[in-house]
Structures are given as structure tokens and as C-alpha cells.
């Protein structure tokens, strides 16, 4: 009797670990599906762009509150490759982007050097 109870507990524990592992893995694999574009800023030369993506809310947000959502900021080249990215607590923090010949600056968010 004791052996079967231990076996059931072990089976339940292993099953829960598999489920949790699958959920975590799915989040990382399908994380982009849980994001949507919020804003885009093109570089003057057209070689790069900044894409601000916000996390979708399953229950939605109140009108005017989309900018309060967390998200990420991506630096993307013209081929669509992600060069840099960083998380941001509120996507509305990205109000403007300053481009130079060799860098991009986003106040309070990022200061990246552009590849040659």
C-alpha cells in the first residue's frame, strides 16, 4: 500500500513538472505571438528601424491604457534581423528616437552602437 501511494505521488510530480516545463518552453517559443507592434521609428538612411512591441493583455486594457503595457524595444536591420533588444516596463517610455551615423539613442531605454 505504501509503495503504490509513493508511486502515485511520484507520477503526479513528474506530470506536473512536464506540464510546467511545457508551458515555460511554449512561452519562449511562442512569445512573439503574445506581442504586438506598438510603434516603429525608421532610421534616416533606411538601414535600420526601432520596433516597439507591447505584450498583449488577455482581458484587454482600458481605453487609452495600451501605453502602460510592458514590452520590448528591438533594433532591426533592413533584412529583418534583430540586432539588439531590451525590455521596457512601459512602452510609452519610447517617445522619440535619436539617430546618428553610428548610433541610436532612446532616452531612459537604450543607447546602441550601429554595426558597420
C-alpha atoms as a PDB file:
ATOM      1  CA  UNK A   1       0.000   0.000   0.000  1.00  0.00           C
ATOM      2  CA  UNK A   2       2.758   2.432   0.884  1.00  0.00           C
ATOM      3  CA  UNK A   3       4.578   1.632  -2.360  1.00  0.00           C
ATOM      4  CA  UNK A   4       1.541   2.468  -4.521  1.00  0.00           C
ATOM      5  CA  UNK A   5       0.955   5.764  -2.745  1.00  0.00           C
ATOM      6  CA  UNK A   6       4.592   6.766  -3.283  1.00  0.00           C
ATOM      7  CA  UNK A   7       4.312   5.698  -6.925  1.00  0.00           C
ATOM      8  CA  UNK A   8       1.201   7.854  -7.458  1.00  0.00           C
ATOM      9  CA  UNK A   9       2.850  10.852  -5.801  1.00  0.00           C
ATOM     10  CA  UNK A  10       5.923  10.384  -7.967  1.00  0.00           C
ATOM     11  CA  UNK A  11       3.749  10.117 -11.112  1.00  0.00           C
ATOM     12  CA  UNK A  12       1.831  13.281 -10.211  1.00  0.00           C
ATOM     13  CA  UNK A  13       5.074  15.164  -9.510  1.00  0.00           C
ATOM     14  CA  UNK A  14       6.623  14.101 -12.823  1.00  0.00           C
ATOM     15  CA  UNK A  15       3.400  15.011 -14.691  1.00  0.00           C
ATOM     16  CA  UNK A  16       3.305  18.472 -13.111  1.00  0.00           C
ATOM     17  CA  UNK A  17       6.963  19.059 -13.975  1.00  0.00           C
ATOM     18  CA  UNK A  18       6.299  18.098 -17.594  1.00  0.00           C
ATOM     19  CA  UNK A  19       3.282  20.419 -17.790  1.00  0.00           C
ATOM     20  CA  UNK A  20       5.126  23.360 -16.219  1.00  0.00           C
ATOM     21  CA  UNK A  21       8.164  22.740 -18.434  1.00  0.00           C
ATOM     22  CA  UNK A  22       5.921  22.680 -21.499  1.00  0.00           C
ATOM     23  CA  UNK A  23       4.244  25.944 -20.527  1.00  0.00           C
ATOM     24  CA  UNK A  24       7.562  27.682 -19.917  1.00  0.00           C
ATOM     25  CA  UNK A  25       9.022  26.306 -23.144  1.00  0.00           C
ATOM     26  CA  UNK A  26       5.912  27.347 -25.080  1.00  0.00           C
ATOM     27  CA  UNK A  27       6.175  30.865 -23.711  1.00  0.00           C
ATOM     28  CA  UNK A  28       9.724  31.221 -25.013  1.00  0.00           C
ATOM     29  CA  UNK A  29       8.988  29.527 -28.329  1.00  0.00           C
ATOM     30  CA  UNK A  30       5.711  31.343 -28.993  1.00  0.00           C
ATOM     31  CA  UNK A  31       6.485  34.529 -27.039  1.00  0.00           C
ATOM     32  CA  UNK A  32       6.304  36.634 -30.200  1.00  0.00           C
ATOM     33  CA  UNK A  33       2.695  35.592 -30.643  1.00  0.00           C
ATOM     34  CA  UNK A  34       1.956  37.251 -27.317  1.00  0.00           C
ATOM     35  CA  UNK A  35       3.358  40.589 -28.515  1.00  0.00           C
ATOM     36  CA  UNK A  36       2.072  43.208 -30.937  1.00  0.00           C
ATOM     37  CA  UNK A  37       3.681  46.223 -32.545  1.00  0.00           C
ATOM     38  CA  UNK A  38       3.139  49.481 -30.697  1.00  0.00           C
ATOM     39  CA  UNK A  39       5.392  51.921 -32.604  1.00  0.00           C
ATOM     40  CA  UNK A  40       8.078  51.971 -35.295  1.00  0.00           C
ATOM     41  CA  UNK A  41      10.864  54.508 -35.872  1.00  0.00           C
ATOM     42  CA  UNK A  42      12.867  54.303 -39.120  1.00  0.00           C
ATOM     43  CA  UNK A  43      16.463  55.498 -39.368  1.00  0.00           C
ATOM     44  CA  UNK A  44      17.031  58.426 -41.756  1.00  0.00           C
ATOM     45  CA  UNK A  45      19.124  56.255 -44.103  1.00  0.00           C
ATOM     46  CA  UNK A  46      16.566  53.415 -44.130  1.00  0.00           C
ATOM     47  CA  UNK A  47      19.094  50.803 -42.973  1.00  0.00           C
ATOM     48  CA  UNK A  48      17.575  50.257 -39.523  1.00  0.00           C
ATOM     49  CA  UNK A  49      14.395  50.660 -37.569  1.00  0.00           C
ATOM     50  CA  UNK A  50      13.330  50.595 -33.971  1.00  0.00           C
ATOM     51  CA  UNK A  51      10.251  48.474 -33.316  1.00  0.00           C
ATOM     52  CA  UNK A  52       8.459  48.822 -30.007  1.00  0.00           C
ATOM     53  CA  UNK A  53       6.349  45.772 -29.156  1.00  0.00           C
ATOM     54  CA  UNK A  54       3.914  45.512 -26.287  1.00  0.00           C
ATOM     55  CA  UNK A  55       2.698  42.410 -24.503  1.00  0.00           C
ATOM     56  CA  UNK A  56      -0.905  41.562 -25.301  1.00  0.00           C
ATOM     57  CA  UNK A  57      -3.280  41.502 -22.403  1.00  0.00           C
ATOM     58  CA  UNK A  58      -5.693  38.594 -22.403  1.00  0.00           C
ATOM     59  CA  UNK A  59      -8.509  40.575 -20.798  1.00  0.00           C
ATOM     60  CA  UNK A  60      -7.733  43.723 -22.740  1.00  0.00           C
ATOM     61  CA  UNK A  61      -6.909  47.105 -21.316  1.00  0.00           C
ATOM     62  CA  UNK A  62      -8.973  50.153 -20.573  1.00  0.00           C
ATOM     63  CA  UNK A  63      -9.207  52.753 -23.352  1.00  0.00           C
ATOM     64  CA  UNK A  64      -6.005  54.784 -23.502  1.00  0.00           C
ATOM     65  CA  UNK A  65      -4.030  52.372 -21.334  1.00  0.00           C
ATOM     66  CA  UNK A  66      -2.168  50.425 -24.050  1.00  0.00           C
ATOM     67  CA  UNK A  67       0.985  52.509 -23.442  1.00  0.00           C
ATOM     68  CA  UNK A  68       1.118  51.336 -19.831  1.00  0.00           C
ATOM     69  CA  UNK A  69       1.842  47.799 -21.016  1.00  0.00           C
ATOM     70  CA  UNK A  70       5.297  46.258 -20.664  1.00  0.00           C
ATOM     71  CA  UNK A  71       7.119  45.206 -23.786  1.00  0.00           C
ATOM     72  CA  UNK A  72      10.394  45.300 -25.601  1.00  0.00           C
ATOM     73  CA  UNK A  73      12.342  47.527 -27.954  1.00  0.00           C
ATOM     74  CA  UNK A  74      14.135  45.988 -30.922  1.00  0.00           C
ATOM     75  CA  UNK A  75      16.771  47.390 -33.259  1.00  0.00           C
ATOM     76  CA  UNK A  76      16.244  45.691 -36.628  1.00  0.00           C
ATOM     77  CA  UNK A  77      18.278  45.936 -39.824  1.00  0.00           C
ATOM     78  CA  UNK A  78      16.767  46.173 -43.326  1.00  0.00           C
ATOM     79  CA  UNK A  79      16.989  42.359 -43.682  1.00  0.00           C
ATOM     80  CA  UNK A  80      14.717  41.938 -40.656  1.00  0.00           C
ATOM     81  CA  UNK A  81      17.465  40.665 -38.342  1.00  0.00           C
ATOM     82  CA  UNK A  82      17.213  41.700 -34.690  1.00  0.00           C
ATOM     83  CA  UNK A  83      20.497  43.442 -33.830  1.00  0.00           C
ATOM     84  CA  UNK A  84      19.677  44.491 -30.253  1.00  0.00           C
ATOM     85  CA  UNK A  85      16.690  44.250 -27.943  1.00  0.00           C
ATOM     86  CA  UNK A  86      15.768  45.236 -24.433  1.00  0.00           C
ATOM     87  CA  UNK A  87      12.724  45.002 -22.234  1.00  0.00           C
ATOM     88  CA  UNK A  88      10.833  48.101 -21.174  1.00  0.00           C
ATOM     89  CA  UNK A  89       8.406  48.476 -18.258  1.00  0.00           C
ATOM     90  CA  UNK A  90       6.030  50.708 -20.212  1.00  0.00           C
ATOM     91  CA  UNK A  91       6.118  51.020 -23.984  1.00  0.00           C
ATOM     92  CA  UNK A  92       5.046  54.655 -23.712  1.00  0.00           C
ATOM     93  CA  UNK A  93       8.551  55.447 -22.400  1.00  0.00           C
ATOM     94  CA  UNK A  94       9.694  55.286 -26.026  1.00  0.00           C
ATOM     95  CA  UNK A  95       8.534  58.690 -27.215  1.00  0.00           C
ATOM     96  CA  UNK A  96      11.332  59.541 -29.610  1.00  0.00           C
ATOM     97  CA  UNK A  97      14.434  58.009 -31.124  1.00  0.00           C
ATOM     98  CA  UNK A  98      17.630  59.921 -31.898  1.00  0.00           C
ATOM     99  CA  UNK A  99      19.679  58.567 -34.803  1.00  0.00           C
ATOM    100  CA  UNK A 100      23.299  59.416 -35.610  1.00  0.00           C
ATOM    101  CA  UNK A 101      25.530  57.907 -38.300  1.00  0.00           C
ATOM    102  CA  UNK A 102      26.775  55.210 -35.925  1.00  0.00           C
ATOM    103  CA  UNK A 103      24.328  55.011 -33.005  1.00  0.00           C
ATOM    104  CA  UNK A 104      20.725  55.147 -31.860  1.00  0.00           C
ATOM    105  CA  UNK A 105      19.606  56.620 -28.551  1.00  0.00           C
ATOM    106  CA  UNK A 106      16.281  56.180 -26.770  1.00  0.00           C
ATOM    107  CA  UNK A 107      16.029  58.241 -23.584  1.00  0.00           C
ATOM    108  CA  UNK A 108      15.845  56.068 -20.444  1.00  0.00           C
ATOM    109  CA  UNK A 109      15.779  52.900 -22.561  1.00  0.00           C
ATOM    110  CA  UNK A 110      18.787  52.242 -24.805  1.00  0.00           C
ATOM    111  CA  UNK A 111      21.975  53.643 -26.305  1.00  0.00           C
ATOM    112  CA  UNK A 112      23.179  51.279 -29.024  1.00  0.00           C
ATOM    113  CA  UNK A 113      26.060  51.447 -31.469  1.00  0.00           C
ATOM    114  CA  UNK A 114      25.040  50.594 -35.020  1.00  0.00           C
ATOM    115  CA  UNK A 115      27.021  47.846 -36.779  1.00  0.00           C
ATOM    116  CA  UNK A 116      29.368  48.891 -39.588  1.00  0.00           C
END
